[in-house]
Amino acid sequence: MERKIRIAAVGDNCMDVYKSTGEAYPGGNPVNVAVYVKRLGGDSSYTGAVGTDEYGERMIKAISEKGVDTSHIKILEGSTAVTHVEHEDGDRILGDYEEGVMADFRLDEEDIDFLAGHDLVVSGIWGMIESDLHRIKERNVPVAFDFADKPEHEITKKALPFVDYAFFSYDAGSEQELHDFMKSVKSAGPQIVIVTRGEKGSLAYDGIEFTEFGIIECKVVDTMGAGDSYIAGFLMGLLSGLSIRQCMEMGAKSSSETIGYHGAW
């Protein structure tokens, strides 16, 4: 039987609490990617930290029920991270973020060994692991990283040299300014730079050419998790040996499924 692709997601998690309804959904960039990788037929794990509260229990239970390996989630004394969310015409507006025990999350050597046993490691800008990326790269494991809309952040500058696949959410300026930005990011180290642009689709740059892909038309219910599901689709395509354009199409299809229902998953 053919071995499944194994992706390790590491970093932040949070409960997305909707102010209007009081509903709470488990999420967080790496958590979402791990769940979507399973949805796409791969194997995944999530490494992070939750608190000793009810949300921590719910987080682990929810991730486990999706088939994600939760063996390296640390349970730390305190509160699980929370993001307060509001809804407006299908779009989610992120409010206050309470970091909780994620502020104390650090990787130990055993975590690094565990992560190195996967085909790829994926994290994000709030994942608290930018100082550990070199340790993962030293094990010859490719790294994907979601820098969101923070191109100038200190974490971005620190992480880029150790990232193979850099994802950004960027939709400002002219096309030339976007191209120049992606070239600048590429020069810092990544093999491929990918920018998601909402309704404009996505753009990728591999140092030779720019590749563009649009969106998959669908009914928008809730955009929570759209970018994370794109990343999962793209990475699954990449590890399956597909072309950049095919990877972008997989990302767009995965994203279109996610935004058709409430919550990230």
Foldseek 3Di string as FASTA:
>chain_A
DDAFAEEEEFFAKAWEAEPVPRDTDTGDQSLLLQLLLVVVPHAYAYAAEAEPDPVRVVNVVVSVVSVHHDVRYHYDHWHHKYWYWYDDPLEIDTDDIDHMCSVVDDDDPVNLVVNLVGQAYEYELRRPCLVPLVVNVVSVHAYEYEDEACCPDPSNLSRLQSHAEYEYADDDDDPVVVVVSLLVSVVSHYQKYKYQHPQQAIWMDRPPDIDGDGADDADFNHQPQLQSQLVSQLVSCVVVPHDNNNSSVRSRVSSRVQRRDPDND
